[in-house]
Amino acid sequence: MRSGTLIGILLIVAGVLALVYQGITYTTRENVFKLGPIEANKETRKTIPLPPVIGGVALVAGIALVVAGGRK
């Protein structure tokens, strides 16, 4: 398998995942208070949004690379 075709397949997968999930969510844990054995933690969920345009561009670029790799 050529490297262009492999990169194209990876871009297609990344594009589809970006379109399906539309963001990366992660949780941070912060220590708010600690006094001896007593402590209070705060969990915050944060999301990094991924615009659908990024997923679409990755998908189109991946398809173009696969098609160009198949023609040679």
N, C-alpha and C. Protein backbone atom coordinates (compact mmCIF):
# COMPACT_ATOMS: atom_id res chain seq x y z
N MET A 1 0.84 -1.17 0.00
CA MET A 1 0.00 0.00 0.00
C MET A 1 0.90 1.24 0.00
N ARG A 2 0.59 2.18 -0.84
CA ARG A 2 1.38 3.40 -0.94
C ARG A 2 1.11 4.32 0.24
N SER A 3 2.07 5.17 0.53
CA SER A 3 1.93 6.06 1.68
C SER A 3 0.81 7.08 1.47
N GLY A 4 0.61 7.55 0.24
CA GLY A 4 -0.47 8.50 -0.03
C GLY A 4 -1.83 7.89 0.23
N THR A 5 -2.00 6.64 -0.16
CA THR A 5 -3.27 5.95 0.08
C THR A 5 -3.49 5.73 1.57
N LEU A 6 -2.44 5.37 2.28
CA LEU A 6 -2.55 5.16 3.73
C LEU A 6 -2.91 6.46 4.45
N ILE A 7 -2.27 7.55 4.06
CA ILE A 7 -2.58 8.86 4.66
C ILE A 7 -4.02 9.26 4.31
N GLY A 8 -4.45 8.94 3.09
CA GLY A 8 -5.82 9.24 2.69
C GLY A 8 -6.83 8.48 3.53
N ILE A 9 -6.57 7.21 3.80
CA ILE A 9 -7.47 6.42 4.64
C ILE A 9 -7.52 6.98 6.06
N LEU A 10 -6.36 7.36 6.59
CA LEU A 10 -6.33 7.95 7.93
C LEU A 10 -7.10 9.27 7.98
N LEU A 11 -6.99 10.08 6.92
CA LEU A 11 -7.73 11.34 6.87
C LEU A 11 -9.24 11.09 6.78
N ILE A 12 -9.63 10.07 6.04
CA ILE A 12 -11.06 9.73 5.95
C ILE A 12 -11.60 9.33 7.32
N VAL A 13 -10.86 8.49 8.02
CA VAL A 13 -11.29 8.06 9.36
C VAL A 13 -11.35 9.26 10.31
N ALA A 14 -10.33 10.11 10.28
CA ALA A 14 -10.31 11.29 11.15
C ALA A 14 -11.45 12.24 10.81
N GLY A 15 -11.74 12.41 9.53
CA GLY A 15 -12.83 13.28 9.12
C GLY A 15 -14.18 12.78 9.57
N VAL A 16 -14.41 11.47 9.44
CA VAL A 16 -15.68 10.89 9.88
C VAL A 16 -15.83 11.02 11.40
N LEU A 17 -14.75 10.75 12.13
CA LEU A 17 -14.81 10.89 13.59
C LEU A 17 -15.07 12.34 14.01
N ALA A 18 -14.45 13.30 13.31
CA ALA A 18 -14.67 14.71 13.62
C ALA A 18 -16.11 15.11 13.34
N LEU A 19 -16.70 14.57 12.29
CA LEU A 19 -18.09 14.89 11.98
C LEU A 19 -19.06 14.24 12.97
N VAL A 20 -18.74 13.05 13.43
CA VAL A 20 -19.63 12.34 14.35
C VAL A 20 -19.58 12.94 15.75
N TYR A 21 -18.38 13.14 16.28
CA TYR A 21 -18.25 13.58 17.67
C TYR A 21 -18.31 15.10 17.85
N GLN A 22 -17.91 15.88 16.87
CA GLN A 22 -17.96 17.34 16.87
C GLN A 22 -17.30 17.98 18.08
N GLY A 23 -16.35 17.32 18.68
CA GLY A 23 -15.62 17.92 19.79
C GLY A 23 -14.92 16.88 20.64
N ILE A 24 -13.95 17.34 21.40
CA ILE A 24 -13.20 16.48 22.31
C ILE A 24 -13.55 16.91 23.73
N THR A 25 -14.09 16.00 24.52
CA THR A 25 -14.47 16.30 25.89
C THR A 25 -13.49 15.65 26.85
N TYR A 26 -13.08 16.41 27.85
CA TYR A 26 -12.19 15.88 28.88
C TYR A 26 -12.58 16.45 30.24
N THR A 27 -12.14 15.80 31.29
CA THR A 27 -12.48 16.19 32.66
C THR A 27 -11.21 16.58 33.40
N THR A 28 -11.27 17.71 34.09
CA THR A 28 -10.16 18.13 34.94
C THR A 28 -10.60 18.04 36.40
N ARG A 29 -9.69 17.69 37.25
CA ARG A 29 -9.97 17.58 38.68
C ARG A 29 -9.09 18.59 39.41
N GLU A 30 -9.73 19.42 40.22
CA GLU A 30 -9.03 20.49 40.92
C GLU A 30 -9.26 20.35 42.43
N ASN A 31 -8.19 20.44 43.20
CA ASN A 31 -8.29 20.37 44.66
C ASN A 31 -8.70 21.74 45.17
N VAL A 32 -9.90 21.84 45.75
CA VAL A 32 -10.43 23.11 46.22
C VAL A 32 -10.05 23.37 47.67
N PHE A 33 -10.11 22.33 48.50
CA PHE A 33 -9.89 22.51 49.94
C PHE A 33 -9.28 21.25 50.50
N LYS A 34 -8.29 21.43 51.38
CA LYS A 34 -7.69 20.28 52.04
C LYS A 34 -7.30 20.70 53.46
N LEU A 35 -7.82 19.96 54.43
CA LEU A 35 -7.50 20.20 55.83
C LEU A 35 -7.34 18.84 56.48
N GLY A 36 -6.10 18.42 56.63
CA GLY A 36 -5.83 17.10 57.19
C GLY A 36 -6.37 16.01 56.28
N PRO A 37 -7.17 15.09 56.84
CA PRO A 37 -7.71 14.01 56.01
C PRO A 37 -8.95 14.43 55.20
N ILE A 38 -9.44 15.66 55.44
CA ILE A 38 -10.64 16.13 54.75
C ILE A 38 -10.21 16.95 53.54
N GLU A 39 -10.77 16.60 52.41
CA GLU A 39 -10.46 17.36 51.20
C GLU A 39 -11.69 17.45 50.31
N ALA A 40 -11.75 18.50 49.52
CA ALA A 40 -12.84 18.71 48.57
C ALA A 40 -12.23 18.91 47.19
N ASN A 41 -12.75 18.16 46.24
CA ASN A 41 -12.28 18.27 44.86
C ASN A 41 -13.41 18.74 43.97
N LYS A 42 -13.04 19.41 42.90
CA LYS A 42 -14.01 19.90 41.94
C LYS A 42 -13.67 19.30 40.58
N GLU A 43 -14.64 18.65 39.95
CA GLU A 43 -14.46 18.10 38.61
C GLU A 43 -15.17 19.00 37.61
N THR A 44 -14.45 19.34 36.56
CA THR A 44 -15.01 20.21 35.53
C THR A 44 -14.86 19.52 34.18
N ARG A 45 -15.96 19.43 33.45
CA ARG A 45 -15.93 18.87 32.09
C ARG A 45 -15.73 20.01 31.11
N LYS A 46 -14.75 19.86 30.27
CA LYS A 46 -14.47 20.88 29.27
C LYS A 46 -14.53 20.23 27.88
N THR A 47 -14.93 21.03 26.90
CA THR A 47 -15.06 20.52 25.54
C THR A 47 -14.29 21.43 24.59
N ILE A 48 -13.49 20.82 23.74
CA ILE A 48 -12.83 21.54 22.66
C ILE A 48 -13.68 21.29 21.42
N PRO A 49 -14.37 22.32 20.93
CA PRO A 49 -15.26 22.09 19.79
C PRO A 49 -14.47 21.91 18.49
N LEU A 50 -14.94 21.01 17.64
CA LEU A 50 -14.38 20.82 16.31
C LEU A 50 -15.45 21.21 15.30
N PRO A 51 -15.21 22.27 14.54
CA PRO A 51 -16.21 22.67 13.55
C PRO A 51 -16.39 21.58 12.49
N PRO A 52 -17.59 21.42 11.98
CA PRO A 52 -17.83 20.41 10.95
C PRO A 52 -17.01 20.65 9.69
N VAL A 53 -16.59 21.88 9.46
CA VAL A 53 -15.79 22.19 8.28
C VAL A 53 -14.46 21.43 8.32
N ILE A 54 -13.86 21.31 9.49
CA ILE A 54 -12.60 20.58 9.62
C ILE A 54 -12.79 19.11 9.26
N GLY A 55 -13.86 18.51 9.73
CA GLY A 55 -14.14 17.12 9.39
C GLY A 55 -14.41 16.95 7.91
N GLY A 56 -15.13 17.88 7.32
CA GLY A 56 -15.43 17.81 5.89
C GLY A 56 -14.18 17.96 5.04
N VAL A 57 -13.31 18.88 5.41
CA VAL A 57 -12.07 19.08 4.66
C VAL A 57 -11.18 17.85 4.76
N ALA A 58 -11.07 17.27 5.94
CA ALA A 58 -10.26 16.06 6.11
C ALA A 58 -10.84 14.92 5.29
N LEU A 59 -12.15 14.79 5.27
CA LEU A 59 -12.81 13.74 4.51
C LEU A 59 -12.57 13.89 3.01
N VAL A 60 -12.73 15.09 2.49
CA VAL A 60 -12.52 15.35 1.06
C VAL A 60 -11.06 15.14 0.68
N ALA A 61 -10.15 15.64 1.52
CA ALA A 61 -8.72 15.45 1.24
C ALA A 61 -8.34 13.96 1.25
N GLY A 62 -8.90 13.22 2.18
CA GLY A 62 -8.62 11.79 2.24
C GLY A 62 -9.12 11.05 1.02
N ILE A 63 -10.34 11.40 0.58
CA ILE A 63 -10.88 10.76 -0.62
C ILE A 63 -10.03 11.11 -1.84
N ALA A 64 -9.60 12.36 -1.92
CA ALA A 64 -8.75 12.77 -3.05
C ALA A 64 -7.44 12.01 -3.07
N LEU A 65 -6.84 11.80 -1.91
CA LEU A 65 -5.58 11.05 -1.86
C LEU A 65 -5.77 9.59 -2.22
N VAL A 66 -6.87 8.99 -1.78
CA VAL A 66 -7.13 7.59 -2.12
C VAL A 66 -7.37 7.44 -3.61
N VAL A 67 -8.15 8.35 -4.20
CA VAL A 67 -8.42 8.30 -5.63
C VAL A 67 -7.15 8.54 -6.43
N ALA A 68 -6.34 9.52 -6.02
CA ALA A 68 -5.09 9.80 -6.73
C ALA A 68 -4.12 8.63 -6.60
N GLY A 69 -4.11 7.96 -5.48
CA GLY A 69 -3.23 6.81 -5.29
C GLY A 69 -3.66 5.61 -6.10
N GLY A 70 -4.96 5.49 -6.33
CA GLY A 70 -5.48 4.36 -7.09
C GLY A 70 -5.29 4.51 -8.61
N ARG A 71 -5.13 5.73 -9.09
CA ARG A 71 -4.99 5.96 -10.52
C ARG A 71 -3.60 5.63 -11.03
N LYS A 72 -2.62 5.67 -10.18
CA LYS A 72 -1.24 5.46 -10.65
C LYS A 72 -0.94 4.00 -10.87
